[in-house]
C-alpha atoms as a PDB file:
ATOM      1  CA  UNK A   1      -6.242  19.738  62.157  1.00  0.00           C
ATOM      2  CA  UNK A   2      -3.489  20.269  59.887  1.00  0.00           C
ATOM      3  CA  UNK A   3      -1.659  23.507  59.170  1.00  0.00           C
ATOM      4  CA  UNK A   4      -1.497  22.725  55.416  1.00  0.00           C
ATOM      5  CA  UNK A   5      -4.223  24.541  53.426  1.00  0.00           C
ATOM      6  CA  UNK A   6      -6.947  22.004  51.866  1.00  0.00           C
ATOM      7  CA  UNK A   7      -7.537  21.417  48.240  1.00  0.00           C
ATOM      8  CA  UNK A   8     -10.276  24.331  47.977  1.00  0.00           C
ATOM      9  CA  UNK A   9      -8.240  26.762  50.127  1.00  0.00           C
ATOM     10  CA  UNK A  10      -5.128  27.030  47.345  1.00  0.00           C
ATOM     11  CA  UNK A  11      -7.207  29.105  45.056  1.00  0.00           C
ATOM     12  CA  UNK A  12      -9.118  32.437  45.674  1.00  0.00           C
ATOM     13  CA  UNK A  13     -11.944  30.757  44.229  1.00  0.00           C
ATOM     14  CA  UNK A  14     -13.901  27.864  45.683  1.00  0.00           C
ATOM     15  CA  UNK A  15     -14.904  24.891  43.714  1.00  0.00           C
ATOM     16  CA  UNK A  16     -17.960  25.335  41.522  1.00  0.00           C
ATOM     17  CA  UNK A  17     -19.585  22.688  39.174  1.00  0.00           C
ATOM     18  CA  UNK A  18     -19.054  23.233  35.390  1.00  0.00           C
ATOM     19  CA  UNK A  19     -21.830  25.037  33.457  1.00  0.00           C
ATOM     20  CA  UNK A  20     -23.890  23.122  30.689  1.00  0.00           C
ATOM     21  CA  UNK A  21     -21.999  25.187  28.179  1.00  0.00           C
ATOM     22  CA  UNK A  22     -18.702  24.341  29.748  1.00  0.00           C
ATOM     23  CA  UNK A  23     -19.460  20.832  29.835  1.00  0.00           C
ATOM     24  CA  UNK A  24     -20.447  20.934  26.061  1.00  0.00           C
ATOM     25  CA  UNK A  25     -17.439  22.857  25.078  1.00  0.00           C
ATOM     26  CA  UNK A  26     -15.334  19.774  26.866  1.00  0.00           C
ATOM     27  CA  UNK A  27     -17.495  17.181  25.048  1.00  0.00           C
ATOM     28  CA  UNK A  28     -16.867  18.679  21.733  1.00  0.00           C
ATOM     29  CA  UNK A  29     -13.206  19.068  22.178  1.00  0.00           C
ATOM     30  CA  UNK A  30     -12.939  15.496  23.392  1.00  0.00           C
ATOM     31  CA  UNK A  31     -15.100  14.324  20.332  1.00  0.00           C
ATOM     32  CA  UNK A  32     -12.623  16.364  17.928  1.00  0.00           C
ATOM     33  CA  UNK A  33      -9.578  14.693  19.563  1.00  0.00           C
ATOM     34  CA  UNK A  34     -11.272  11.248  19.201  1.00  0.00           C
ATOM     35  CA  UNK A  35     -12.130  12.147  15.301  1.00  0.00           C
ATOM     36  CA  UNK A  36      -8.495  13.098  14.826  1.00  0.00           C
ATOM     37  CA  UNK A  37      -7.316   9.922  16.394  1.00  0.00           C
ATOM     38  CA  UNK A  38      -9.926   7.956  14.179  1.00  0.00           C
ATOM     39  CA  UNK A  39      -9.110   9.446  11.115  1.00  0.00           C
ATOM     40  CA  UNK A  40      -5.144   9.254  11.706  1.00  0.00           C
ATOM     41  CA  UNK A  41      -6.034   5.447  12.219  1.00  0.00           C
ATOM     42  CA  UNK A  42      -7.933   5.188   9.020  1.00  0.00           C
ATOM     43  CA  UNK A  43      -5.011   6.784   6.975  1.00  0.00           C
ATOM     44  CA  UNK A  44      -2.612   4.170   8.655  1.00  0.00           C
ATOM     45  CA  UNK A  45      -4.827   1.457   7.714  1.00  0.00           C
ATOM     46  CA  UNK A  46      -5.424   2.762   4.030  1.00  0.00           C
ATOM     47  CA  UNK A  47      -1.437   2.864   3.652  1.00  0.00           C
ATOM     48  CA  UNK A  48      -1.227  -0.753   4.938  1.00  0.00           C
ATOM     49  CA  UNK A  49      -3.977  -1.887   2.458  1.00  0.00           C
ATOM     50  CA  UNK A  50      -2.165   0.023  -0.399  1.00  0.00           C
ATOM     51  CA  UNK A  51       1.182  -1.621   0.420  1.00  0.00           C
ATOM     52  CA  UNK A  52      -0.624  -5.016   0.809  1.00  0.00           C
ATOM     53  CA  UNK A  53      -2.270  -4.446  -2.606  1.00  0.00           C
ATOM     54  CA  UNK A  54       0.944  -3.575  -4.300  1.00  0.00           C
ATOM     55  CA  UNK A  55       2.815  -6.550  -2.881  1.00  0.00           C
ATOM     56  CA  UNK A  56      -0.257  -8.687  -4.420  1.00  0.00           C
ATOM     57  CA  UNK A  57       0.264  -7.086  -7.500  1.00  0.00           C
ATOM     58  CA  UNK A  58       3.856  -7.612  -7.688  1.00  0.00           C
ATOM     59  CA  UNK A  59       3.607 -11.393  -6.762  1.00  0.00           C
ATOM     60  CA  UNK A  60       0.950 -11.800  -9.205  1.00  0.00           C
ATOM     61  CA  UNK A  61       3.217  -9.992 -11.897  1.00  0.00           C
ATOM     62  CA  UNK A  62       6.021 -12.265 -10.879  1.00  0.00           C
ATOM     63  CA  UNK A  63       4.030 -15.569 -11.678  1.00  0.00           C
ATOM     64  CA  UNK A  64       3.236 -14.124 -15.194  1.00  0.00           C
ATOM     65  CA  UNK A  65       4.931 -13.344 -18.460  1.00  0.00           C
ATOM     66  CA  UNK A  66       4.546 -10.232 -20.937  1.00  0.00           C
ATOM     67  CA  UNK A  67       5.306  -9.494 -24.509  1.00  0.00           C
ATOM     68  CA  UNK A  68       7.149  -6.301 -25.753  1.00  0.00           C
ATOM     69  CA  UNK A  69       5.898  -5.674 -29.017  1.00  0.00           C
ATOM     70  CA  UNK A  70       8.552  -5.970 -31.928  1.00  0.00           C
ATOM     71  CA  UNK A  71      10.113  -2.991 -32.925  1.00  0.00           C
ATOM     72  CA  UNK A  72      11.730  -1.669 -36.231  1.00  0.00           C
ATOM     73  CA  UNK A  73      15.125  -2.334 -34.751  1.00  0.00           C
ATOM     74  CA  UNK A  74      14.524  -5.371 -32.467  1.00  0.00           C
ATOM     75  CA  UNK A  75      12.377  -8.515 -32.040  1.00  0.00           C
ATOM     76  CA  UNK A  76       9.633  -8.918 -29.921  1.00  0.00           C
ATOM     77  CA  UNK A  77      10.894  -9.757 -26.246  1.00  0.00           C
ATOM     78  CA  UNK A  78       9.436 -11.957 -23.857  1.00  0.00           C
ATOM     79  CA  UNK A  79       9.741 -10.750 -20.202  1.00  0.00           C
ATOM     80  CA  UNK A  80       9.157 -11.851 -16.753  1.00  0.00           C
ATOM     81  CA  UNK A  81       5.758  -9.894 -15.647  1.00  0.00           C
ATOM     82  CA  UNK A  82       8.024  -8.122 -13.005  1.00  0.00           C
ATOM     83  CA  UNK A  83      10.896  -7.235 -15.431  1.00  0.00           C
ATOM     84  CA  UNK A  84      12.107  -3.620 -14.684  1.00  0.00           C
ATOM     85  CA  UNK A  85      13.336  -3.248 -18.195  1.00  0.00           C
ATOM     86  CA  UNK A  86       9.772  -3.554 -19.849  1.00  0.00           C
ATOM     87  CA  UNK A  87       7.708  -1.870 -16.832  1.00  0.00           C
ATOM     88  CA  UNK A  88       4.354  -1.740 -18.548  1.00  0.00           C
ATOM     89  CA  UNK A  89       1.771  -3.271 -16.061  1.00  0.00           C
ATOM     90  CA  UNK A  90      -1.045  -5.343 -17.279  1.00  0.00           C
ATOM     91  CA  UNK A  91      -1.215  -7.637 -20.532  1.00  0.00           C
ATOM     92  CA  UNK A  92       0.026 -10.725 -18.721  1.00  0.00           C
ATOM     93  CA  UNK A  93       0.096 -13.906 -20.212  1.00  0.00           C
ATOM     94  CA  UNK A  94       0.333 -17.470 -18.471  1.00  0.00           C
ATOM     95  CA  UNK A  95       3.014 -20.053 -18.643  1.00  0.00           C
ATOM     96  CA  UNK A  96       1.392 -21.966 -21.438  1.00  0.00           C
ATOM     97  CA  UNK A  97       1.369 -18.750 -23.494  1.00  0.00           C
ATOM     98  CA  UNK A  98       4.813 -17.906 -22.764  1.00  0.00           C
ATOM     99  CA  UNK A  99       5.922 -21.130 -23.902  1.00  0.00           C
ATOM    100  CA  UNK A 100       4.264 -20.718 -27.111  1.00  0.00           C
ATOM    101  CA  UNK A 101       5.586 -17.149 -27.415  1.00  0.00           C
ATOM    102  CA  UNK A 102       9.171 -18.557 -27.059  1.00  0.00           C
ATOM    103  CA  UNK A 103       8.558 -21.063 -29.739  1.00  0.00           C
ATOM    104  CA  UNK A 104       7.657 -18.293 -32.266  1.00  0.00           C
ATOM    105  CA  UNK A 105      10.701 -17.191 -34.581  1.00  0.00           C
ATOM    106  CA  UNK A 106      10.096 -13.246 -33.977  1.00  0.00           C
ATOM    107  CA  UNK A 107      10.283 -13.553 -30.014  1.00  0.00           C
ATOM    108  CA  UNK A 108      13.247 -13.639 -28.205  1.00  0.00           C
ATOM    109  CA  UNK A 109      13.871 -13.818 -24.192  1.00  0.00           C
ATOM    110  CA  UNK A 110      14.752 -10.771 -22.438  1.00  0.00           C
ATOM    111  CA  UNK A 111      18.584 -10.917 -21.736  1.00  0.00           C
ATOM    112  CA  UNK A 112      18.018  -9.342 -17.980  1.00  0.00           C
ATOM    113  CA  UNK A 113      15.050 -11.302 -16.591  1.00  0.00           C
ATOM    114  CA  UNK A 114      15.763 -14.491 -18.308  1.00  0.00           C
ATOM    115  CA  UNK A 115      11.885 -15.573 -18.677  1.00  0.00           C
ATOM    116  CA  UNK A 116      12.802 -18.852 -20.370  1.00  0.00           C
ATOM    117  CA  UNK A 117      14.224 -19.919 -17.205  1.00  0.00           C
ATOM    118  CA  UNK A 118      11.824 -22.165 -15.808  1.00  0.00           C
ATOM    119  CA  UNK A 119       9.537 -22.178 -18.713  1.00  0.00           C
ATOM    120  CA  UNK A 120      11.017 -25.292 -20.284  1.00  0.00           C
ATOM    121  CA  UNK A 121      10.761 -27.575 -16.966  1.00  0.00           C
ATOM    122  CA  UNK A 122       7.690 -27.738 -15.004  1.00  0.00           C
END
């Protein structure tokens, strides 16, 4: 035999089986840990989904146009859907309607986003 103490001789207390209450508490702690992990993962997935939705909306807006209404001191302006100078979301028009808008005498193209570029050629 060895002079080293065995695993049960290190403590003053010998090993005992956990009680059902101790086992139950351990299970609860484990499940709470698992729930925290699952909630964290759901938050990550929700954030990813929100970024993807925003990316899709920006891509959609980039392929559309919008008309800024006429003001007292300026004509109506045609913008690309993702133009930052007229950041109103929604109210997009398609290519054909944008061409028609540019042909109207009281609608001018935005000088920042240049929505007329690419509208004249298909």
